[in-house]
Amino acid sequence: MGVKTFIEGWPVWRQLTGTDPLGRGLAAQSRRSKELTSRTETADSVAKSVCPYCAVGCGQRVFVKDGQVTQIEGDPDSPISRGRLCPKGSASKSLVTNPDRQRTVLYRRPFGTDWEELDLDTAMEMIADRVVAAREQTWEDRDAAGRPLNRTLGIASLGGATLDNEENYLIKKLFTAMGAIQIENQARI
């Protein structure tokens, strides 16, 4: 590299001799920085989502390339967050892409000391069987005075704050139909 090439590539020289005397635009850019592109420019698709961390429900845009999440940003179209995310929301890409993320169902038998993997269908059947059994064992038709109760105190629900209104509505309807009366949501507590 000659002296002339070095001086012309020097940002201060470009600042003093070019059209950017304050060094805030082209004078400050290197050849390498001009060639860089953001992860969002090369994405194959963009999906809209909601941040999973709290009850606020900030909108997110999830950028996907080759089937992998490459970036998660705030959604400027969201009326809640208008494109802004808190530090946890900004770091939610690591929640999705972390190699240590649990991706299988783990089960520890009663009095067991080790976890074992189960397939999802088996786990769902076990949960359904236990809900039905708990309902049957704790069902109350009437109180001591003969008044109708039609309830169970053996099943309760505590919903998460990351569920939206529609999901919470459906959960409330499901547990009410099963006769549960202890139905609550984290966002309301």
N, C-alpha and C. Protein backbone atom coordinates (compact mmCIF):
# COMPACT_ATOMS: atom_id res chain seq x y z
N MET A 1 0.85 -1.17 0.00
CA MET A 1 0.00 0.00 0.00
C MET A 1 0.90 1.23 0.00
N GLY A 2 0.69 2.09 -0.99
CA GLY A 2 1.48 3.31 -1.09
C GLY A 2 1.01 4.37 -0.12
N VAL A 3 1.84 5.41 0.04
CA VAL A 3 1.50 6.50 0.94
C VAL A 3 0.24 7.22 0.48
N LYS A 4 0.13 7.43 -0.85
CA LYS A 4 -1.03 8.13 -1.38
C LYS A 4 -2.31 7.32 -1.11
N THR A 5 -2.27 6.02 -1.31
CA THR A 5 -3.43 5.16 -1.05
C THR A 5 -3.79 5.20 0.43
N PHE A 6 -2.79 5.17 1.30
CA PHE A 6 -3.03 5.23 2.74
C PHE A 6 -3.69 6.54 3.13
N ILE A 7 -3.17 7.64 2.62
CA ILE A 7 -3.72 8.96 2.99
C ILE A 7 -5.14 9.12 2.47
N GLU A 8 -5.40 8.67 1.24
CA GLU A 8 -6.77 8.79 0.70
C GLU A 8 -7.76 7.89 1.44
N GLY A 9 -7.29 6.80 2.02
CA GLY A 9 -8.14 5.91 2.80
C GLY A 9 -8.32 6.36 4.24
N TRP A 10 -7.57 7.35 4.64
CA TRP A 10 -7.61 7.83 6.01
C TRP A 10 -8.86 8.69 6.22
N PRO A 11 -9.69 8.42 7.22
CA PRO A 11 -10.94 9.17 7.42
C PRO A 11 -10.73 10.67 7.62
N VAL A 12 -9.65 11.05 8.30
CA VAL A 12 -9.40 12.48 8.53
C VAL A 12 -9.16 13.18 7.20
N TRP A 13 -8.43 12.57 6.30
CA TRP A 13 -8.17 13.14 4.97
C TRP A 13 -9.48 13.30 4.20
N ARG A 14 -10.33 12.28 4.24
CA ARG A 14 -11.63 12.37 3.55
C ARG A 14 -12.49 13.46 4.19
N GLN A 15 -12.37 13.63 5.48
CA GLN A 15 -13.13 14.65 6.19
C GLN A 15 -12.67 16.05 5.79
N LEU A 16 -11.37 16.26 5.71
CA LEU A 16 -10.83 17.59 5.40
C LEU A 16 -10.98 17.97 3.94
N THR A 17 -10.91 16.99 3.04
CA THR A 17 -10.93 17.29 1.60
C THR A 17 -12.28 17.03 0.95
N GLY A 18 -13.18 16.35 1.62
CA GLY A 18 -14.45 15.98 1.00
C GLY A 18 -15.58 16.93 1.36
N THR A 19 -16.79 16.42 1.16
CA THR A 19 -18.00 17.22 1.40
C THR A 19 -18.58 16.99 2.80
N ASP A 20 -17.81 16.31 3.65
CA ASP A 20 -18.28 15.98 4.99
C ASP A 20 -17.29 16.52 6.03
N PRO A 21 -17.26 17.83 6.25
CA PRO A 21 -16.25 18.39 7.14
C PRO A 21 -16.42 18.00 8.61
N LEU A 22 -17.63 17.63 9.02
CA LEU A 22 -17.85 17.24 10.41
C LEU A 22 -17.56 15.76 10.66
N GLY A 23 -17.34 15.00 9.61
CA GLY A 23 -17.00 13.59 9.75
C GLY A 23 -18.14 12.74 10.27
N ARG A 24 -19.37 13.06 9.85
CA ARG A 24 -20.53 12.30 10.33
C ARG A 24 -21.17 11.44 9.26
N GLY A 25 -20.66 11.48 8.07
CA GLY A 25 -21.27 10.74 6.96
C GLY A 25 -20.26 9.89 6.22
N LEU A 26 -20.11 10.17 4.94
CA LEU A 26 -19.25 9.37 4.09
C LEU A 26 -17.79 9.39 4.52
N ALA A 27 -17.33 10.49 5.08
CA ALA A 27 -15.93 10.58 5.50
C ALA A 27 -15.60 9.58 6.59
N ALA A 28 -16.58 9.26 7.41
CA ALA A 28 -16.33 8.35 8.53
C ALA A 28 -16.48 6.88 8.14
N GLN A 29 -16.99 6.62 6.93
CA GLN A 29 -17.21 5.24 6.51
C GLN A 29 -15.96 4.65 5.87
N SER A 30 -15.65 3.44 6.29
CA SER A 30 -14.56 2.72 5.65
C SER A 30 -15.13 1.90 4.49
N ARG A 31 -14.26 1.35 3.69
CA ARG A 31 -14.69 0.52 2.57
C ARG A 31 -15.45 -0.70 3.12
N ARG A 32 -14.95 -1.26 4.22
CA ARG A 32 -15.59 -2.43 4.82
C ARG A 32 -16.99 -2.09 5.34
N SER A 33 -17.13 -0.95 6.01
CA SER A 33 -18.44 -0.60 6.55
C SER A 33 -19.46 -0.30 5.45
N LYS A 34 -19.00 0.16 4.29
CA LYS A 34 -19.92 0.39 3.16
C LYS A 34 -20.46 -0.92 2.61
N GLU A 35 -19.68 -1.99 2.74
CA GLU A 35 -20.08 -3.29 2.20
C GLU A 35 -20.95 -4.09 3.17
N LEU A 36 -21.03 -3.68 4.42
CA LEU A 36 -21.81 -4.42 5.41
C LEU A 36 -23.31 -4.29 5.13
N THR A 37 -24.04 -5.37 5.43
CA THR A 37 -25.50 -5.33 5.37
C THR A 37 -26.04 -5.85 6.69
N SER A 38 -27.19 -5.39 7.06
CA SER A 38 -27.78 -5.82 8.33
C SER A 38 -28.41 -7.20 8.18
N ARG A 39 -28.60 -7.89 9.30
CA ARG A 39 -29.24 -9.20 9.29
C ARG A 39 -30.68 -9.11 8.81
N THR A 40 -31.29 -7.95 8.99
CA THR A 40 -32.69 -7.81 8.60
C THR A 40 -32.85 -7.65 7.09
N GLU A 41 -31.84 -7.12 6.41
CA GLU A 41 -31.92 -6.95 4.95
C GLU A 41 -31.92 -8.27 4.21
N THR A 42 -31.22 -9.26 4.74
CA THR A 42 -31.08 -10.53 4.03
C THR A 42 -32.08 -11.59 4.49
N ALA A 43 -33.04 -11.22 5.31
CA ALA A 43 -34.01 -12.19 5.83
C ALA A 43 -34.93 -12.68 4.72
N ASP A 44 -35.27 -13.98 4.79
CA ASP A 44 -36.21 -14.56 3.83
C ASP A 44 -37.64 -14.16 4.15
N SER A 45 -37.95 -14.04 5.45
CA SER A 45 -39.30 -13.68 5.85
C SER A 45 -39.27 -12.96 7.19
N VAL A 46 -40.36 -12.26 7.47
CA VAL A 46 -40.52 -11.53 8.73
C VAL A 46 -41.86 -11.93 9.32
N ALA A 47 -41.85 -12.39 10.56
CA ALA A 47 -43.08 -12.77 11.25
C ALA A 47 -43.33 -11.79 12.39
N LYS A 48 -44.59 -11.45 12.58
CA LYS A 48 -44.94 -10.59 13.70
C LYS A 48 -45.23 -11.47 14.91
N SER A 49 -44.79 -11.01 16.07
CA SER A 49 -44.96 -11.79 17.29
C SER A 49 -45.16 -10.84 18.47
N VAL A 50 -45.28 -11.43 19.64
CA VAL A 50 -45.43 -10.67 20.89
C VAL A 50 -44.33 -11.13 21.83
N CYS A 51 -43.72 -10.20 22.51
CA CYS A 51 -42.65 -10.51 23.46
C CYS A 51 -43.18 -11.44 24.55
N PRO A 52 -42.45 -12.49 24.89
CA PRO A 52 -42.95 -13.48 25.85
C PRO A 52 -42.67 -13.18 27.32
N TYR A 53 -42.09 -12.05 27.65
CA TYR A 53 -41.59 -11.88 29.01
C TYR A 53 -42.56 -11.32 30.03
N CYS A 54 -43.45 -10.42 29.66
CA CYS A 54 -44.33 -9.85 30.68
C CYS A 54 -45.72 -9.60 30.11
N ALA A 55 -46.56 -8.98 30.87
CA ALA A 55 -47.95 -8.78 30.48
C ALA A 55 -48.16 -7.57 29.58
N VAL A 56 -47.12 -6.80 29.28
CA VAL A 56 -47.30 -5.60 28.45
C VAL A 56 -47.70 -5.98 27.04
N GLY A 57 -47.07 -6.98 26.46
CA GLY A 57 -47.43 -7.44 25.12
C GLY A 57 -46.80 -6.62 24.02
N CYS A 58 -45.55 -6.26 24.15
CA CYS A 58 -44.86 -5.48 23.12
C CYS A 58 -44.76 -6.28 21.83
N GLY A 59 -44.97 -5.59 20.72
CA GLY A 59 -44.90 -6.23 19.41
C GLY A 59 -43.46 -6.46 18.99
N GLN A 60 -43.24 -7.59 18.32
CA GLN A 60 -41.90 -7.92 17.82
C GLN A 60 -41.98 -8.31 16.36
N ARG A 61 -40.90 -8.05 15.65
CA ARG A 61 -40.72 -8.56 14.30
C ARG A 61 -39.60 -9.59 14.36
N VAL A 62 -39.87 -10.80 13.90
CA VAL A 62 -38.91 -11.90 13.93
C VAL A 62 -38.43 -12.13 12.51
N PHE A 63 -37.13 -11.93 12.29
CA PHE A 63 -36.52 -12.08 10.97
C PHE A 63 -35.95 -13.49 10.84
N VAL A 64 -36.32 -14.18 9.75
CA VAL A 64 -35.93 -15.57 9.55
C VAL A 64 -35.19 -15.71 8.23
N LYS A 65 -34.06 -16.41 8.27
CA LYS A 65 -33.31 -16.73 7.06
C LYS A 65 -32.92 -18.19 7.10
N ASP A 66 -33.23 -18.92 6.06
CA ASP A 66 -32.93 -20.35 5.95
C ASP A 66 -33.51 -21.13 7.13
N GLY A 67 -34.71 -20.76 7.56
CA GLY A 67 -35.39 -21.47 8.63
C GLY A 67 -34.87 -21.17 10.02
N GLN A 68 -33.95 -20.23 10.17
CA GLN A 68 -33.37 -19.89 11.46
C GLN A 68 -33.68 -18.43 11.80
N VAL A 69 -33.96 -18.16 13.06
CA VAL A 69 -34.19 -16.78 13.51
C VAL A 69 -32.85 -16.06 13.50
N THR A 70 -32.78 -14.94 12.78
CA THR A 70 -31.53 -14.17 12.70
C THR A 70 -31.58 -12.89 13.52
N GLN A 71 -32.77 -12.35 13.76
CA GLN A 71 -32.89 -11.11 14.50
C GLN A 71 -34.31 -10.96 15.01
N ILE A 72 -34.47 -10.35 16.19
CA ILE A 72 -35.78 -10.00 16.72
C ILE A 72 -35.71 -8.54 17.13
N GLU A 73 -36.64 -7.74 16.60
CA GLU A 73 -36.67 -6.30 16.89
C GLU A 73 -38.08 -5.90 17.31
N GLY A 74 -38.19 -4.70 17.83
CA GLY A 74 -39.50 -4.14 18.15
C GLY A 74 -40.28 -3.86 16.87
N ASP A 75 -41.58 -4.02 16.93
CA ASP A 75 -42.45 -3.79 15.79
C ASP A 75 -42.97 -2.35 15.81
N PRO A 76 -42.56 -1.53 14.84
CA PRO A 76 -43.02 -0.14 14.84
C PRO A 76 -44.53 0.00 14.61
N ASP A 77 -45.19 -1.06 14.10
CA ASP A 77 -46.63 -1.02 13.88
C ASP A 77 -47.43 -1.35 15.14
N SER A 78 -46.76 -1.78 16.20
CA SER A 78 -47.44 -2.15 17.44
C SER A 78 -47.94 -0.89 18.16
N PRO A 79 -49.25 -0.82 18.47
CA PRO A 79 -49.75 0.35 19.19
C PRO A 79 -49.29 0.36 20.65
N ILE A 80 -48.82 -0.77 21.14
CA ILE A 80 -48.39 -0.87 22.54
C ILE A 80 -46.98 -0.34 22.72
N SER A 81 -46.06 -0.84 21.91
CA SER A 81 -44.65 -0.49 22.13
C SER A 81 -44.06 0.42 21.05
N ARG A 82 -44.74 0.57 19.94
CA ARG A 82 -44.30 1.45 18.84
C ARG A 82 -42.84 1.22 18.45
N GLY A 83 -42.43 -0.05 18.40
CA GLY A 83 -41.09 -0.38 17.94
C GLY A 83 -40.05 -0.47 19.04
N ARG A 84 -40.43 -0.23 20.27
CA ARG A 84 -39.46 -0.25 21.37
C ARG A 84 -39.56 -1.57 22.13
N LEU A 85 -38.44 -2.02 22.66
CA LEU A 85 -38.40 -3.20 23.51
C LEU A 85 -37.52 -2.91 24.72
N CYS A 86 -37.86 -3.50 25.85
CA CYS A 86 -37.01 -3.38 27.03
C CYS A 86 -35.77 -4.27 26.83
N PRO A 87 -34.81 -4.23 27.74
CA PRO A 87 -33.61 -5.07 27.57
C PRO A 87 -33.92 -6.56 27.47
N LYS A 88 -34.90 -7.04 28.24
CA LYS A 88 -35.24 -8.47 28.13
C LYS A 88 -35.87 -8.78 26.79
N GLY A 89 -36.76 -7.92 26.33
CA GLY A 89 -37.38 -8.14 25.02
C GLY A 89 -36.37 -8.07 23.89
N SER A 90 -35.41 -7.16 24.03
CA SER A 90 -34.38 -7.03 23.01
C SER A 90 -33.48 -8.26 22.96
N ALA A 91 -33.38 -8.96 24.05
CA ALA A 91 -32.53 -10.15 24.11
C ALA A 91 -33.32 -11.44 23.88
N SER A 92 -34.56 -11.35 23.42
CA SER A 92 -35.37 -12.55 23.29
C SER A 92 -34.90 -13.47 22.17
N LYS A 93 -34.05 -13.01 21.29
CA LYS A 93 -33.47 -13.91 20.28
C LYS A 93 -32.72 -15.04 20.96
N SER A 94 -32.04 -14.75 22.05
CA SER A 94 -31.29 -15.79 22.75
C SER A 94 -32.22 -16.82 23.37
N LEU A 95 -33.45 -16.43 23.71
CA LEU A 95 -34.42 -17.38 24.23
C LEU A 95 -34.76 -18.42 23.17
N VAL A 96 -34.85 -17.98 21.92
CA VAL A 96 -35.24 -18.86 20.82
C VAL A 96 -34.06 -19.69 20.30
N THR A 97 -32.89 -19.08 20.23
CA THR A 97 -31.77 -19.73 19.57
C THR A 97 -30.76 -20.38 20.51
N ASN A 98 -30.98 -20.30 21.80
CA ASN A 98 -30.02 -20.86 22.76
C ASN A 98 -29.91 -22.37 22.58
N PRO A 99 -28.70 -22.90 22.40
CA PRO A 99 -28.55 -24.35 22.21
C PRO A 99 -28.92 -25.16 23.47
N ASP A 100 -28.96 -24.51 24.63
CA ASP A 100 -29.32 -25.21 25.87
C ASP A 100 -30.83 -25.21 26.14
N ARG A 101 -31.62 -24.66 25.20
CA ARG A 101 -33.07 -24.61 25.39
C ARG A 101 -33.64 -26.02 25.44
N GLN A 102 -34.54 -26.25 26.39
CA GLN A 102 -35.17 -27.57 26.53
C GLN A 102 -36.17 -27.76 25.39
N ARG A 103 -36.04 -28.85 24.64
CA ARG A 103 -36.90 -29.09 23.48
C ARG A 103 -37.69 -30.38 23.58
N THR A 104 -37.56 -31.09 24.70
CA THR A 104 -38.30 -32.34 24.87
C THR A 104 -39.03 -32.30 26.21
N VAL A 105 -40.03 -33.17 26.33
CA VAL A 105 -40.79 -33.28 27.57
C VAL A 105 -39.98 -34.13 28.55
N LEU A 106 -39.78 -33.61 29.75
CA LEU A 106 -39.09 -34.37 30.79
C LEU A 106 -40.09 -34.75 31.87
N TYR A 107 -39.94 -35.96 32.40
CA TYR A 107 -40.85 -36.47 33.43
C TYR A 107 -40.04 -37.16 34.51
N ARG A 108 -40.38 -36.85 35.75
CA ARG A 108 -39.76 -37.56 36.87
C ARG A 108 -40.86 -38.31 37.60
N ARG A 109 -40.73 -39.62 37.63
CA ARG A 109 -41.74 -40.47 38.26
C ARG A 109 -41.82 -40.18 39.76
N PRO A 110 -42.96 -40.49 40.39
CA PRO A 110 -43.06 -40.30 41.84
C PRO A 110 -41.95 -41.04 42.57
N PHE A 111 -41.31 -40.35 43.47
CA PHE A 111 -40.17 -40.85 44.25
C PHE A 111 -38.94 -41.12 43.40
N GLY A 112 -38.96 -40.70 42.15
CA GLY A 112 -37.81 -40.91 41.27
C GLY A 112 -36.74 -39.87 41.52
N THR A 113 -35.55 -40.17 41.08
CA THR A 113 -34.43 -39.23 41.24
C THR A 113 -33.91 -38.73 39.90
N ASP A 114 -34.33 -39.36 38.81
CA ASP A 114 -33.85 -38.98 37.48
C ASP A 114 -35.01 -38.56 36.58
N TRP A 115 -34.69 -37.68 35.66
CA TRP A 115 -35.66 -37.25 34.65
C TRP A 115 -35.58 -38.20 33.47
N GLU A 116 -36.73 -38.47 32.85
CA GLU A 116 -36.75 -39.27 31.63
C GLU A 116 -37.51 -38.50 30.56
N GLU A 117 -37.13 -38.72 29.32
CA GLU A 117 -37.80 -38.04 28.20
C GLU A 117 -39.06 -38.80 27.83
N LEU A 118 -40.12 -38.05 27.54
CA LEU A 118 -41.37 -38.62 27.05
C LEU A 118 -41.73 -37.95 25.74
N ASP A 119 -42.46 -38.67 24.89
CA ASP A 119 -42.96 -38.00 23.69
C ASP A 119 -44.18 -37.18 24.08
N LEU A 120 -44.48 -36.17 23.29
CA LEU A 120 -45.53 -35.20 23.64
C LEU A 120 -46.89 -35.86 23.77
N ASP A 121 -47.23 -36.82 22.90
CA ASP A 121 -48.53 -37.47 22.98
C ASP A 121 -48.71 -38.21 24.30
N THR A 122 -47.69 -38.90 24.75
CA THR A 122 -47.76 -39.62 26.03
C THR A 122 -47.95 -38.64 27.18
N ALA A 123 -47.20 -37.54 27.17
CA ALA A 123 -47.32 -36.53 28.23
C ALA A 123 -48.71 -35.92 28.25
N MET A 124 -49.27 -35.61 27.10
CA MET A 124 -50.62 -35.03 27.04
C MET A 124 -51.67 -36.02 27.55
N GLU A 125 -51.53 -37.28 27.22
CA GLU A 125 -52.45 -38.30 27.73
C GLU A 125 -52.37 -38.40 29.25
N MET A 126 -51.16 -38.35 29.79
CA MET A 126 -50.98 -38.41 31.24
C MET A 126 -51.66 -37.22 31.92
N ILE A 127 -51.50 -36.03 31.34
CA ILE A 127 -52.12 -34.84 31.91
C ILE A 127 -53.64 -34.96 31.87
N ALA A 128 -54.18 -35.38 30.71
CA ALA A 128 -55.64 -35.51 30.57
C ALA A 128 -56.19 -36.53 31.57
N ASP A 129 -55.50 -37.66 31.72
CA ASP A 129 -55.95 -38.68 32.68
C ASP A 129 -55.97 -38.13 34.10
N ARG A 130 -54.96 -37.35 34.45
CA ARG A 130 -54.88 -36.81 35.82
C ARG A 130 -55.93 -35.73 36.06
N VAL A 131 -56.23 -34.93 35.05
CA VAL A 131 -57.28 -33.92 35.20
C VAL A 131 -58.64 -34.59 35.41
N VAL A 132 -58.93 -35.61 34.61
CA VAL A 132 -60.21 -36.32 34.74
C VAL A 132 -60.30 -36.99 36.11
N ALA A 133 -59.22 -37.64 36.54
CA ALA A 133 -59.22 -38.32 37.85
C ALA A 133 -59.39 -37.31 38.99
N ALA A 134 -58.69 -36.18 38.93
CA ALA A 134 -58.81 -35.16 39.99
C ALA A 134 -60.23 -34.60 40.04
N ARG A 135 -60.84 -34.42 38.90
CA ARG A 135 -62.21 -33.90 38.84
C ARG A 135 -63.18 -34.90 39.45
N GLU A 136 -63.04 -36.17 39.09
CA GLU A 136 -63.93 -37.20 39.62
C GLU A 136 -63.79 -37.35 41.14
N GLN A 137 -62.55 -37.30 41.63
CA GLN A 137 -62.31 -37.52 43.06
C GLN A 137 -62.75 -36.35 43.92
N THR A 138 -62.80 -35.16 43.38
CA THR A 138 -63.09 -33.97 44.20
C THR A 138 -64.39 -33.27 43.80
N TRP A 139 -65.22 -33.92 42.99
CA TRP A 139 -66.45 -33.27 42.52
C TRP A 139 -67.45 -33.11 43.67
N GLU A 140 -68.07 -31.94 43.76
CA GLU A 140 -69.08 -31.65 44.78
C GLU A 140 -70.38 -31.28 44.08
N ASP A 141 -71.40 -32.14 44.25
CA ASP A 141 -72.71 -31.87 43.66
C ASP A 141 -73.49 -30.84 44.46
N ARG A 142 -73.52 -31.07 45.79
CA ARG A 142 -74.34 -30.22 46.66
C ARG A 142 -73.59 -29.97 47.97
N ASP A 143 -73.96 -28.87 48.63
CA ASP A 143 -73.36 -28.59 49.94
C ASP A 143 -74.16 -29.29 51.04
N ALA A 144 -73.81 -29.07 52.29
CA ALA A 144 -74.46 -29.74 53.43
C ALA A 144 -75.95 -29.39 53.53
N ALA A 145 -76.33 -28.23 53.04
CA ALA A 145 -77.74 -27.81 53.10
C ALA A 145 -78.52 -28.25 51.87
N GLY A 146 -77.88 -28.96 50.97
CA GLY A 146 -78.57 -29.45 49.78
C GLY A 146 -78.58 -28.50 48.61
N ARG A 147 -77.91 -27.36 48.72
CA ARG A 147 -77.85 -26.40 47.62
C ARG A 147 -76.88 -26.91 46.54
N PRO A 148 -77.21 -26.71 45.27
CA PRO A 148 -76.34 -27.22 44.20
C PRO A 148 -75.01 -26.46 44.15
N LEU A 149 -73.93 -27.20 44.00
CA LEU A 149 -72.60 -26.60 43.86
C LEU A 149 -72.03 -26.84 42.46
N ASN A 150 -72.02 -28.10 42.02
CA ASN A 150 -71.48 -28.47 40.70
C ASN A 150 -70.10 -27.87 40.48
N ARG A 151 -69.17 -28.26 41.33
CA ARG A 151 -67.82 -27.69 41.26
C ARG A 151 -66.79 -28.71 41.70
N THR A 152 -65.53 -28.38 41.44
CA THR A 152 -64.42 -29.15 41.96
C THR A 152 -63.39 -28.18 42.52
N LEU A 153 -62.82 -28.54 43.65
CA LEU A 153 -61.73 -27.76 44.22
C LEU A 153 -60.39 -28.45 43.98
N GLY A 154 -60.43 -29.54 43.21
CA GLY A 154 -59.22 -30.31 42.94
C GLY A 154 -58.46 -29.85 41.73
N ILE A 155 -58.99 -28.88 41.01
CA ILE A 155 -58.34 -28.35 39.81
C ILE A 155 -58.31 -26.84 39.93
N ALA A 156 -57.19 -26.24 39.60
CA ALA A 156 -57.06 -24.79 39.60
C ALA A 156 -56.25 -24.37 38.38
N SER A 157 -56.34 -23.11 38.02
CA SER A 157 -55.57 -22.60 36.90
C SER A 157 -54.93 -21.27 37.28
N LEU A 158 -53.65 -21.16 36.99
CA LEU A 158 -52.95 -19.88 37.12
C LEU A 158 -52.35 -19.59 35.76
N GLY A 159 -52.96 -18.67 35.02
CA GLY A 159 -52.50 -18.34 33.67
C GLY A 159 -51.29 -17.44 33.71
N GLY A 160 -50.55 -17.46 32.62
CA GLY A 160 -49.36 -16.64 32.51
C GLY A 160 -49.66 -15.29 31.90
N ALA A 161 -48.83 -14.33 32.21
CA ALA A 161 -49.03 -12.97 31.73
C ALA A 161 -48.73 -12.82 30.24
N THR A 162 -48.05 -13.79 29.67
CA THR A 162 -47.72 -13.66 28.25
C THR A 162 -48.84 -14.14 27.34
N LEU A 163 -49.89 -14.67 27.90
CA LEU A 163 -51.03 -15.08 27.09
C LEU A 163 -51.86 -13.84 26.74
N ASP A 164 -52.41 -13.84 25.55
CA ASP A 164 -53.23 -12.69 25.18
C ASP A 164 -54.66 -12.88 25.68
N ASN A 165 -55.50 -11.88 25.47
CA ASN A 165 -56.86 -11.90 25.99
C ASN A 165 -57.66 -13.10 25.49
N GLU A 166 -57.49 -13.44 24.20
CA GLU A 166 -58.25 -14.54 23.63
C GLU A 166 -57.86 -15.87 24.27
N GLU A 167 -56.56 -16.07 24.47
CA GLU A 167 -56.11 -17.31 25.11
C GLU A 167 -56.62 -17.40 26.54
N ASN A 168 -56.53 -16.31 27.28
CA ASN A 168 -57.02 -16.32 28.65
C ASN A 168 -58.54 -16.55 28.70
N TYR A 169 -59.26 -16.00 27.75
CA TYR A 169 -60.71 -16.21 27.68
C TYR A 169 -61.02 -17.69 27.47
N LEU A 170 -60.30 -18.33 26.54
CA LEU A 170 -60.54 -19.74 26.27
C LEU A 170 -60.16 -20.63 27.46
N ILE A 171 -59.07 -20.29 28.14
CA ILE A 171 -58.67 -21.04 29.33
C ILE A 171 -59.74 -20.91 30.42
N LYS A 172 -60.25 -19.69 30.60
CA LYS A 172 -61.30 -19.46 31.59
C LYS A 172 -62.54 -20.30 31.25
N LYS A 173 -62.93 -20.32 29.99
CA LYS A 173 -64.09 -21.10 29.56
C LYS A 173 -63.86 -22.59 29.79
N LEU A 174 -62.66 -23.09 29.47
CA LEU A 174 -62.35 -24.51 29.64
C LEU A 174 -62.42 -24.92 31.10
N PHE A 175 -61.76 -24.17 31.98
CA PHE A 175 -61.74 -24.54 33.39
C PHE A 175 -63.10 -24.36 34.04
N THR A 176 -63.86 -23.37 33.62
CA THR A 176 -65.22 -23.20 34.14
C THR A 176 -66.09 -24.38 33.72
N ALA A 177 -65.95 -24.81 32.46
CA ALA A 177 -66.72 -25.96 31.98
C ALA A 177 -66.36 -27.24 32.73
N MET A 178 -65.12 -27.35 33.20
CA MET A 178 -64.71 -28.52 33.97
C MET A 178 -65.17 -28.43 35.42
N GLY A 179 -65.70 -27.28 35.84
CA GLY A 179 -66.20 -27.12 37.19
C GLY A 179 -65.22 -26.47 38.15
N ALA A 180 -64.08 -26.04 37.66
CA ALA A 180 -63.10 -25.39 38.54
C ALA A 180 -63.57 -23.97 38.87
N ILE A 181 -63.29 -23.55 40.10
CA ILE A 181 -63.64 -22.18 40.47
C ILE A 181 -62.41 -21.36 40.82
N GLN A 182 -61.27 -22.03 40.98
CA GLN A 182 -60.03 -21.33 41.32
C GLN A 182 -59.27 -21.04 40.02
N ILE A 183 -59.66 -19.97 39.36
CA ILE A 183 -59.08 -19.61 38.07
C ILE A 183 -58.51 -18.20 38.20
N GLU A 184 -57.23 -18.05 37.98
CA GLU A 184 -56.57 -16.76 38.18
C GLU A 184 -55.55 -16.56 37.08
N ASN A 185 -55.08 -15.33 36.98
CA ASN A 185 -54.06 -15.00 36.00
C ASN A 185 -52.96 -14.17 36.65
N GLN A 186 -51.75 -14.46 36.29
CA GLN A 186 -50.58 -13.78 36.85
C GLN A 186 -50.66 -12.27 36.66
N ALA A 187 -51.21 -11.82 35.55
CA ALA A 187 -51.27 -10.40 35.26
C ALA A 187 -52.21 -9.66 36.20
N ARG A 188 -53.15 -10.38 36.79
CA ARG A 188 -54.13 -9.75 37.68
C ARG A 188 -53.73 -9.80 39.13
N ILE A 189 -52.78 -10.66 39.46
CA ILE A 189 -52.40 -10.85 40.87
C ILE A 189 -51.49 -9.73 41.31
